[in-house]
Amino acid sequence: MLQFAKAYSRELSRGAWESFNSAFSTAHTSPRESTALQFEIKRLAEGYDRRGRLMAHILNGLEGVSCQASKGTTYLCPRVKLPAAAISAAKKEGIDGCMFYALGLWNAKNVRITPGSLPGSACYGLERIPGTVHLRVDVLYRDEDIHNLLIEVIAFHKEFMETFT
């Protein structure tokens, strides 16, 4: 599980680090540079907010998924109601439903999300309703990548639900 978390954080965070490094790569000493930095931070935050609202809207349209839009965060914590067969399959593999869904998405579509059951995940400890899992979905993707990412997530979720329903 720890290897999954390390691999996930290395891969997914690449876009975020590129964004932040470009914003903070030079020394900002003059008032003009300070204003430019504030503008860049605002631009990044607005992008995260926009992508978070879009992703929450799309996720809420999926069977068994409920998700609130992020407010000032770089991630979402959707709740997914898993079919009983998926929970049984996860138990047979010795993992929980969060990990089962996350690994399934990674293996099928090469999309990385964090299982909400991982200690340290922003979704760790959220209220658990039997048969549901929480996932941490980052909104740090670039605008040009978000639509393709959502297409992959939608396709995986439909396949997953069909397989285990």
N, C-alpha and C. Protein backbone atom coordinates (compact mmCIF):
# COMPACT_ATOMS: atom_id res chain seq x y z
N MET A 1 0.83 -1.18 0.00
CA MET A 1 0.00 0.00 0.00
C MET A 1 0.87 1.25 0.00
N LEU A 2 1.95 1.24 0.74
CA LEU A 2 2.84 2.39 0.81
C LEU A 2 3.47 2.65 -0.57
N GLN A 3 3.82 1.58 -1.30
CA GLN A 3 4.39 1.75 -2.63
C GLN A 3 3.39 2.43 -3.55
N PHE A 4 2.11 2.06 -3.42
CA PHE A 4 1.07 2.70 -4.21
C PHE A 4 1.04 4.20 -3.92
N ALA A 5 1.05 4.55 -2.66
CA ALA A 5 0.98 5.95 -2.27
C ALA A 5 2.18 6.74 -2.80
N LYS A 6 3.36 6.15 -2.72
CA LYS A 6 4.56 6.84 -3.21
C LYS A 6 4.50 7.02 -4.72
N ALA A 7 4.14 5.97 -5.43
CA ALA A 7 4.05 6.06 -6.89
C ALA A 7 3.00 7.08 -7.30
N TYR A 8 1.89 7.05 -6.61
CA TYR A 8 0.81 8.00 -6.90
C TYR A 8 1.29 9.43 -6.73
N SER A 9 1.90 9.74 -5.60
CA SER A 9 2.27 11.12 -5.32
C SER A 9 3.33 11.61 -6.30
N ARG A 10 4.25 10.75 -6.71
CA ARG A 10 5.27 11.15 -7.68
C ARG A 10 4.64 11.48 -9.02
N GLU A 11 3.74 10.64 -9.51
CA GLU A 11 3.16 10.82 -10.83
C GLU A 11 2.16 11.95 -10.89
N LEU A 12 1.22 11.97 -9.97
CA LEU A 12 0.13 12.93 -10.04
C LEU A 12 0.59 14.34 -9.75
N SER A 13 1.54 14.48 -8.88
CA SER A 13 1.96 15.81 -8.45
C SER A 13 2.82 16.54 -9.47
N ARG A 14 3.24 15.86 -10.51
CA ARG A 14 4.13 16.48 -11.49
C ARG A 14 3.54 17.78 -12.04
N GLY A 15 2.28 17.77 -12.44
CA GLY A 15 1.65 18.98 -12.99
C GLY A 15 1.55 20.09 -11.98
N ALA A 16 1.25 19.72 -10.73
CA ALA A 16 1.14 20.74 -9.68
C ALA A 16 2.49 21.39 -9.44
N TRP A 17 3.54 20.57 -9.38
CA TRP A 17 4.86 21.13 -9.12
C TRP A 17 5.30 22.03 -10.27
N GLU A 18 4.96 21.65 -11.50
CA GLU A 18 5.30 22.50 -12.63
C GLU A 18 4.61 23.86 -12.50
N SER A 19 3.34 23.84 -12.10
CA SER A 19 2.59 25.10 -11.93
C SER A 19 3.21 25.97 -10.85
N PHE A 20 3.45 25.37 -9.68
CA PHE A 20 3.98 26.14 -8.58
C PHE A 20 5.42 26.58 -8.83
N ASN A 21 6.23 25.74 -9.45
CA ASN A 21 7.60 26.14 -9.73
C ASN A 21 7.63 27.32 -10.68
N SER A 22 6.72 27.34 -11.66
CA SER A 22 6.72 28.48 -12.57
C SER A 22 6.29 29.75 -11.85
N ALA A 23 5.41 29.62 -10.87
CA ALA A 23 4.94 30.80 -10.12
C ALA A 23 6.00 31.34 -9.17
N PHE A 24 6.82 30.46 -8.63
CA PHE A 24 7.78 30.87 -7.59
C PHE A 24 9.23 30.74 -8.01
N SER A 25 9.50 30.63 -9.31
CA SER A 25 10.85 30.33 -9.73
C SER A 25 11.82 31.51 -9.67
N THR A 26 11.32 32.71 -9.57
CA THR A 26 12.23 33.87 -9.51
C THR A 26 12.01 34.62 -8.21
N ALA A 27 13.01 35.34 -7.82
CA ALA A 27 12.89 36.16 -6.59
C ALA A 27 11.95 37.32 -6.87
N HIS A 28 10.98 37.53 -6.00
CA HIS A 28 9.99 38.59 -6.19
C HIS A 28 10.25 39.66 -5.14
N THR A 29 10.95 40.70 -5.56
CA THR A 29 11.33 41.72 -4.59
C THR A 29 10.63 43.04 -4.84
N SER A 30 10.37 43.38 -6.08
CA SER A 30 9.76 44.69 -6.35
C SER A 30 8.24 44.60 -6.23
N PRO A 31 7.59 45.74 -6.02
CA PRO A 31 6.11 45.74 -5.96
C PRO A 31 5.48 45.17 -7.23
N ARG A 32 6.08 45.47 -8.37
CA ARG A 32 5.56 44.95 -9.65
C ARG A 32 5.63 43.43 -9.67
N GLU A 33 6.76 42.89 -9.23
CA GLU A 33 6.90 41.43 -9.21
C GLU A 33 5.94 40.81 -8.19
N SER A 34 5.74 41.49 -7.07
CA SER A 34 4.82 40.99 -6.06
C SER A 34 3.40 40.95 -6.61
N THR A 35 3.00 41.95 -7.36
CA THR A 35 1.68 41.98 -7.99
C THR A 35 1.56 40.85 -9.00
N ALA A 36 2.61 40.62 -9.76
CA ALA A 36 2.60 39.53 -10.73
C ALA A 36 2.45 38.18 -10.03
N LEU A 37 3.13 38.02 -8.90
CA LEU A 37 3.02 36.78 -8.14
C LEU A 37 1.61 36.59 -7.61
N GLN A 38 1.01 37.65 -7.08
CA GLN A 38 -0.36 37.56 -6.58
C GLN A 38 -1.32 37.20 -7.71
N PHE A 39 -1.10 37.78 -8.88
CA PHE A 39 -1.93 37.47 -10.03
C PHE A 39 -1.79 35.99 -10.41
N GLU A 40 -0.57 35.49 -10.41
CA GLU A 40 -0.32 34.08 -10.78
C GLU A 40 -0.96 33.14 -9.77
N ILE A 41 -0.85 33.45 -8.50
CA ILE A 41 -1.47 32.61 -7.46
C ILE A 41 -2.99 32.61 -7.63
N LYS A 42 -3.55 33.77 -7.90
CA LYS A 42 -5.00 33.87 -8.12
C LYS A 42 -5.40 33.06 -9.34
N ARG A 43 -4.63 33.15 -10.40
CA ARG A 43 -4.92 32.40 -11.63
C ARG A 43 -4.90 30.89 -11.37
N LEU A 44 -3.90 30.43 -10.62
CA LEU A 44 -3.82 29.01 -10.29
C LEU A 44 -5.01 28.57 -9.44
N ALA A 45 -5.34 29.36 -8.42
CA ALA A 45 -6.46 29.03 -7.54
C ALA A 45 -7.79 29.00 -8.30
N GLU A 46 -7.98 29.94 -9.20
CA GLU A 46 -9.21 29.96 -9.99
C GLU A 46 -9.29 28.74 -10.91
N GLY A 47 -8.15 28.32 -11.43
CA GLY A 47 -8.11 27.12 -12.27
C GLY A 47 -8.47 25.87 -11.48
N TYR A 48 -7.92 25.76 -10.28
CA TYR A 48 -8.26 24.61 -9.43
C TYR A 48 -9.75 24.61 -9.09
N ASP A 49 -10.28 25.78 -8.77
CA ASP A 49 -11.69 25.88 -8.44
C ASP A 49 -12.57 25.50 -9.63
N ARG A 50 -12.23 26.00 -10.81
CA ARG A 50 -12.99 25.70 -12.03
C ARG A 50 -12.96 24.20 -12.33
N ARG A 51 -11.78 23.60 -12.27
CA ARG A 51 -11.66 22.17 -12.54
C ARG A 51 -12.37 21.35 -11.46
N GLY A 52 -12.32 21.80 -10.22
CA GLY A 52 -13.01 21.10 -9.14
C GLY A 52 -14.52 21.09 -9.35
N ARG A 53 -15.07 22.23 -9.76
CA ARG A 53 -16.52 22.30 -10.02
C ARG A 53 -16.90 21.40 -11.19
N LEU A 54 -16.10 21.43 -12.24
CA LEU A 54 -16.36 20.57 -13.40
C LEU A 54 -16.30 19.10 -13.02
N MET A 55 -15.26 18.72 -12.30
CA MET A 55 -15.10 17.31 -11.92
C MET A 55 -16.23 16.87 -10.99
N ALA A 56 -16.62 17.70 -10.03
CA ALA A 56 -17.71 17.34 -9.13
C ALA A 56 -19.00 17.17 -9.91
N HIS A 57 -19.25 18.04 -10.85
CA HIS A 57 -20.46 17.94 -11.67
C HIS A 57 -20.49 16.62 -12.45
N ILE A 58 -19.38 16.29 -13.07
CA ILE A 58 -19.29 15.03 -13.85
C ILE A 58 -19.41 13.83 -12.92
N LEU A 59 -18.69 13.83 -11.81
CA LEU A 59 -18.73 12.70 -10.88
C LEU A 59 -20.14 12.49 -10.32
N ASN A 60 -20.85 13.56 -10.04
CA ASN A 60 -22.21 13.44 -9.51
C ASN A 60 -23.17 12.81 -10.52
N GLY A 61 -22.81 12.82 -11.79
CA GLY A 61 -23.63 12.19 -12.82
C GLY A 61 -23.40 10.70 -12.94
N LEU A 62 -22.43 10.16 -12.22
CA LEU A 62 -22.12 8.74 -12.29
C LEU A 62 -22.95 7.96 -11.27
N GLU A 63 -23.33 6.76 -11.65
CA GLU A 63 -24.12 5.89 -10.77
C GLU A 63 -23.41 5.68 -9.43
N GLY A 64 -24.13 5.96 -8.34
CA GLY A 64 -23.63 5.68 -7.00
C GLY A 64 -22.57 6.64 -6.49
N VAL A 65 -22.34 7.74 -7.18
CA VAL A 65 -21.29 8.69 -6.76
C VAL A 65 -21.94 9.99 -6.28
N SER A 66 -21.46 10.49 -5.14
CA SER A 66 -21.86 11.82 -4.69
C SER A 66 -20.58 12.58 -4.33
N CYS A 67 -20.55 13.84 -4.76
CA CYS A 67 -19.32 14.62 -4.59
C CYS A 67 -19.67 16.10 -4.45
N GLN A 68 -19.10 16.73 -3.45
CA GLN A 68 -19.24 18.17 -3.30
C GLN A 68 -18.08 18.86 -4.01
N ALA A 69 -18.37 19.98 -4.62
CA ALA A 69 -17.31 20.75 -5.27
C ALA A 69 -16.32 21.24 -4.22
N SER A 70 -15.07 21.34 -4.60
CA SER A 70 -14.05 21.79 -3.67
C SER A 70 -14.18 23.28 -3.44
N LYS A 71 -13.83 23.69 -2.26
CA LYS A 71 -13.84 25.12 -1.93
C LYS A 71 -12.47 25.46 -1.36
N GLY A 72 -11.62 25.97 -2.21
CA GLY A 72 -10.29 26.36 -1.76
C GLY A 72 -9.32 25.20 -1.58
N THR A 73 -9.66 24.03 -2.11
CA THR A 73 -8.76 22.89 -2.00
C THR A 73 -8.33 22.44 -3.40
N THR A 74 -7.36 21.59 -3.43
CA THR A 74 -6.86 21.07 -4.70
C THR A 74 -7.30 19.62 -4.92
N TYR A 75 -8.33 19.21 -4.22
CA TYR A 75 -8.81 17.84 -4.34
C TYR A 75 -10.30 17.76 -4.04
N LEU A 76 -10.91 16.66 -4.45
CA LEU A 76 -12.29 16.33 -4.14
C LEU A 76 -12.28 15.02 -3.38
N CYS A 77 -13.32 14.76 -2.61
CA CYS A 77 -13.46 13.49 -1.89
C CYS A 77 -14.81 12.85 -2.22
N PRO A 78 -14.96 12.33 -3.44
CA PRO A 78 -16.25 11.73 -3.78
C PRO A 78 -16.49 10.45 -2.98
N ARG A 79 -17.77 10.22 -2.69
CA ARG A 79 -18.20 8.98 -2.04
C ARG A 79 -18.77 8.09 -3.14
N VAL A 80 -18.34 6.83 -3.17
CA VAL A 80 -18.79 5.90 -4.18
C VAL A 80 -19.46 4.72 -3.48
N LYS A 81 -20.69 4.43 -3.88
CA LYS A 81 -21.39 3.25 -3.36
C LYS A 81 -21.00 2.07 -4.25
N LEU A 82 -20.29 1.14 -3.65
CA LEU A 82 -19.80 -0.02 -4.40
C LEU A 82 -20.82 -1.16 -4.36
N PRO A 83 -20.95 -1.88 -5.47
CA PRO A 83 -21.79 -3.08 -5.45
C PRO A 83 -21.19 -4.12 -4.49
N ALA A 84 -22.05 -4.95 -3.92
CA ALA A 84 -21.60 -5.98 -2.97
C ALA A 84 -20.55 -6.89 -3.60
N ALA A 85 -20.70 -7.19 -4.89
CA ALA A 85 -19.73 -8.06 -5.56
C ALA A 85 -18.34 -7.43 -5.61
N ALA A 86 -18.27 -6.12 -5.73
CA ALA A 86 -16.97 -5.43 -5.74
C ALA A 86 -16.33 -5.50 -4.37
N ILE A 87 -17.13 -5.34 -3.33
CA ILE A 87 -16.60 -5.42 -1.96
C ILE A 87 -16.10 -6.83 -1.68
N SER A 88 -16.84 -7.84 -2.15
CA SER A 88 -16.40 -9.23 -1.98
C SER A 88 -15.11 -9.49 -2.73
N ALA A 89 -15.01 -8.98 -3.96
CA ALA A 89 -13.79 -9.17 -4.76
C ALA A 89 -12.59 -8.51 -4.09
N ALA A 90 -12.81 -7.34 -3.50
CA ALA A 90 -11.72 -6.65 -2.79
C ALA A 90 -11.26 -7.48 -1.60
N LYS A 91 -12.20 -8.01 -0.85
CA LYS A 91 -11.85 -8.83 0.31
C LYS A 91 -11.06 -10.07 -0.10
N LYS A 92 -11.44 -10.67 -1.22
CA LYS A 92 -10.71 -11.85 -1.72
C LYS A 92 -9.26 -11.51 -2.04
N GLU A 93 -9.03 -10.26 -2.47
CA GLU A 93 -7.66 -9.82 -2.78
C GLU A 93 -6.94 -9.28 -1.55
N GLY A 94 -7.65 -9.23 -0.42
CA GLY A 94 -7.03 -8.77 0.82
C GLY A 94 -6.87 -7.26 0.92
N ILE A 95 -7.69 -6.52 0.19
CA ILE A 95 -7.63 -5.06 0.24
C ILE A 95 -9.03 -4.52 0.48
N ASP A 96 -9.12 -3.24 0.85
CA ASP A 96 -10.43 -2.65 1.07
C ASP A 96 -11.00 -2.12 -0.25
N GLY A 97 -12.26 -1.71 -0.19
CA GLY A 97 -12.94 -1.24 -1.39
C GLY A 97 -12.31 0.00 -2.00
N CYS A 98 -11.79 0.90 -1.16
CA CYS A 98 -11.13 2.11 -1.66
C CYS A 98 -9.93 1.75 -2.53
N MET A 99 -9.10 0.89 -2.00
CA MET A 99 -7.90 0.48 -2.73
C MET A 99 -8.28 -0.30 -3.99
N PHE A 100 -9.29 -1.14 -3.89
CA PHE A 100 -9.74 -1.95 -5.02
C PHE A 100 -10.17 -1.06 -6.19
N TYR A 101 -10.98 -0.05 -5.90
CA TYR A 101 -11.44 0.86 -6.94
C TYR A 101 -10.27 1.67 -7.51
N ALA A 102 -9.43 2.20 -6.64
CA ALA A 102 -8.30 3.03 -7.08
C ALA A 102 -7.33 2.24 -7.95
N LEU A 103 -7.01 1.02 -7.53
CA LEU A 103 -6.10 0.19 -8.33
C LEU A 103 -6.74 -0.22 -9.65
N GLY A 104 -8.06 -0.47 -9.62
CA GLY A 104 -8.76 -0.80 -10.85
C GLY A 104 -8.68 0.33 -11.86
N LEU A 105 -8.88 1.56 -11.40
CA LEU A 105 -8.80 2.73 -12.28
C LEU A 105 -7.38 2.91 -12.81
N TRP A 106 -6.41 2.72 -11.94
CA TRP A 106 -5.01 2.86 -12.35
C TRP A 106 -4.65 1.79 -13.39
N ASN A 107 -5.00 0.55 -13.13
CA ASN A 107 -4.65 -0.54 -14.04
C ASN A 107 -5.40 -0.45 -15.36
N ALA A 108 -6.68 -0.06 -15.33
CA ALA A 108 -7.49 -0.03 -16.54
C ALA A 108 -7.25 1.21 -17.39
N LYS A 109 -7.07 2.35 -16.75
CA LYS A 109 -7.03 3.62 -17.50
C LYS A 109 -5.80 4.47 -17.21
N ASN A 110 -4.91 3.99 -16.37
CA ASN A 110 -3.70 4.72 -16.00
C ASN A 110 -4.03 6.09 -15.38
N VAL A 111 -5.13 6.12 -14.62
CA VAL A 111 -5.54 7.33 -13.90
C VAL A 111 -5.31 7.06 -12.43
N ARG A 112 -4.60 7.97 -11.78
CA ARG A 112 -4.25 7.78 -10.37
C ARG A 112 -5.14 8.62 -9.46
N ILE A 113 -5.74 7.95 -8.50
CA ILE A 113 -6.49 8.60 -7.43
C ILE A 113 -6.02 7.99 -6.13
N THR A 114 -6.25 8.66 -5.04
CA THR A 114 -5.82 8.14 -3.74
C THR A 114 -6.99 7.50 -3.03
N PRO A 115 -6.81 6.27 -2.57
CA PRO A 115 -7.88 5.66 -1.76
C PRO A 115 -8.07 6.48 -0.49
N GLY A 116 -9.30 6.78 -0.16
CA GLY A 116 -9.59 7.56 1.03
C GLY A 116 -9.24 6.84 2.32
N SER A 117 -9.02 5.53 2.23
CA SER A 117 -8.68 4.75 3.41
C SER A 117 -7.20 4.83 3.77
N LEU A 118 -6.38 5.44 2.91
CA LEU A 118 -4.96 5.58 3.21
C LEU A 118 -4.74 6.62 4.30
N PRO A 119 -4.09 6.26 5.39
CA PRO A 119 -3.78 7.28 6.40
C PRO A 119 -2.98 8.41 5.76
N GLY A 120 -3.34 9.61 6.07
CA GLY A 120 -2.69 10.76 5.47
C GLY A 120 -3.46 11.32 4.29
N SER A 121 -4.39 10.53 3.75
CA SER A 121 -5.24 11.04 2.68
C SER A 121 -6.16 12.10 3.26
N ALA A 122 -6.43 13.13 2.50
CA ALA A 122 -7.32 14.19 2.97
C ALA A 122 -8.73 13.65 3.24
N CYS A 123 -9.07 12.51 2.67
CA CYS A 123 -10.40 11.93 2.84
C CYS A 123 -10.41 10.87 3.93
N TYR A 124 -9.25 10.60 4.52
CA TYR A 124 -9.15 9.58 5.56
C TYR A 124 -9.98 10.01 6.77
N GLY A 125 -10.80 9.11 7.24
CA GLY A 125 -11.59 9.40 8.43
C GLY A 125 -12.95 10.02 8.15
N LEU A 126 -13.29 10.25 6.87
CA LEU A 126 -14.62 10.76 6.58
C LEU A 126 -15.65 9.71 6.96
N GLU A 127 -16.85 10.16 7.22
CA GLU A 127 -17.92 9.25 7.64
C GLU A 127 -18.07 8.11 6.65
N ARG A 128 -18.04 6.91 7.18
CA ARG A 128 -18.16 5.72 6.33
C ARG A 128 -19.58 5.17 6.45
N ILE A 129 -20.24 5.06 5.34
CA ILE A 129 -21.53 4.41 5.27
C ILE A 129 -21.25 3.02 4.70
N PRO A 130 -21.78 1.97 5.33
CA PRO A 130 -21.51 0.62 4.82
C PRO A 130 -21.76 0.51 3.31
N GLY A 131 -20.79 -0.08 2.63
CA GLY A 131 -20.90 -0.26 1.19
C GLY A 131 -20.38 0.91 0.37
N THR A 132 -19.86 1.93 1.04
CA THR A 132 -19.33 3.09 0.31
C THR A 132 -17.85 3.28 0.60
N VAL A 133 -17.19 3.96 -0.30
CA VAL A 133 -15.79 4.30 -0.12
C VAL A 133 -15.61 5.78 -0.47
N HIS A 134 -14.56 6.36 0.04
CA HIS A 134 -14.17 7.72 -0.34
C HIS A 134 -12.87 7.63 -1.12
N LEU A 135 -12.73 8.52 -2.06
CA LEU A 135 -11.53 8.59 -2.88
C LEU A 135 -11.05 10.03 -2.88
N ARG A 136 -9.75 10.21 -2.98
CA ARG A 136 -9.23 11.57 -3.12
C ARG A 136 -8.87 11.76 -4.58
N VAL A 137 -9.53 12.73 -5.20
CA VAL A 137 -9.31 13.03 -6.61
C VAL A 137 -8.74 14.43 -6.70
N ASP A 138 -7.53 14.54 -7.21
CA ASP A 138 -6.90 15.86 -7.30
C ASP A 138 -7.41 16.64 -8.49
N VAL A 139 -7.46 17.95 -8.36
CA VAL A 139 -7.88 18.84 -9.45
C VAL A 139 -6.66 19.57 -10.02
N LEU A 140 -5.50 19.01 -9.84
CA LEU A 140 -4.25 19.65 -10.25
C LEU A 140 -3.88 19.40 -11.71
N TYR A 141 -4.72 18.70 -12.41
CA TYR A 141 -4.44 18.43 -13.82
C TYR A 141 -4.50 19.71 -14.63
N ARG A 142 -3.79 19.73 -15.73
CA ARG A 142 -3.82 20.89 -16.61
C ARG A 142 -5.17 20.94 -17.33
N ASP A 143 -5.61 22.13 -17.69
CA ASP A 143 -6.89 22.29 -18.38
C ASP A 143 -6.97 21.41 -19.62
N GLU A 144 -5.89 21.33 -20.37
CA GLU A 144 -5.90 20.56 -21.62
C GLU A 144 -5.97 19.05 -21.38
N ASP A 145 -5.73 18.60 -20.14
CA ASP A 145 -5.78 17.18 -19.83
C ASP A 145 -7.08 16.74 -19.16
N ILE A 146 -7.82 17.69 -18.61
CA ILE A 146 -8.95 17.35 -17.74
C ILE A 146 -10.07 16.62 -18.48
N HIS A 147 -10.38 17.01 -19.71
CA HIS A 147 -11.48 16.37 -20.42
C HIS A 147 -11.17 14.91 -20.75
N ASN A 148 -9.96 14.65 -21.21
CA ASN A 148 -9.58 13.26 -21.49
C ASN A 148 -9.57 12.43 -20.22
N LEU A 149 -9.12 13.02 -19.13
CA LEU A 149 -9.12 12.32 -17.85
C LEU A 149 -10.55 11.95 -17.45
N LEU A 150 -11.47 12.89 -17.57
CA LEU A 150 -12.86 12.62 -17.19
C LEU A 150 -13.50 11.57 -18.09
N ILE A 151 -13.16 11.56 -19.35
CA ILE A 151 -13.66 10.52 -20.26
C ILE A 151 -13.21 9.15 -19.79
N GLU A 152 -11.94 9.05 -19.38
CA GLU A 152 -11.40 7.77 -18.88
C GLU A 152 -12.09 7.35 -17.58
N VAL A 153 -12.31 8.30 -16.68
CA VAL A 153 -12.97 7.99 -15.40
C VAL A 153 -14.40 7.52 -15.64
N ILE A 154 -15.13 8.21 -16.51
CA ILE A 154 -16.51 7.82 -16.82
C ILE A 154 -16.55 6.41 -17.39
N ALA A 155 -15.67 6.14 -18.36
CA ALA A 155 -15.64 4.81 -18.98
C ALA A 155 -15.32 3.73 -17.95
N PHE A 156 -14.32 3.99 -17.11
CA PHE A 156 -13.96 2.99 -16.10
C PHE A 156 -15.12 2.75 -15.14
N HIS A 157 -15.73 3.81 -14.65
CA HIS A 157 -16.79 3.66 -13.67
C HIS A 157 -17.95 2.84 -14.23
N LYS A 158 -18.33 3.12 -15.47
CA LYS A 158 -19.42 2.35 -16.10
C LYS A 158 -19.03 0.89 -16.23
N GLU A 159 -17.81 0.61 -16.69
CA GLU A 159 -17.34 -0.77 -16.81
C GLU A 159 -17.30 -1.46 -15.44
N PHE A 160 -16.82 -0.75 -14.44
CA PHE A 160 -16.70 -1.29 -13.09
C PHE A 160 -18.08 -1.66 -12.56
N MET A 161 -19.02 -0.75 -12.69
CA MET A 161 -20.37 -1.00 -12.17
C MET A 161 -21.04 -2.14 -12.93
N GLU A 162 -20.84 -2.21 -14.24
CA GLU A 162 -21.43 -3.31 -15.02
C GLU A 162 -20.82 -4.65 -14.62
N THR A 163 -19.52 -4.65 -14.38
CA THR A 163 -18.83 -5.88 -14.01
C THR A 163 -19.30 -6.41 -12.67
N PHE A 164 -19.53 -5.54 -11.72
CA PHE A 164 -19.81 -5.98 -10.35
C PHE A 164 -21.28 -5.87 -9.93
N THR A 165 -22.16 -5.46 -10.84
CA THR A 165 -23.58 -5.37 -10.50
C THR A 165 -24.29 -6.65 -10.92
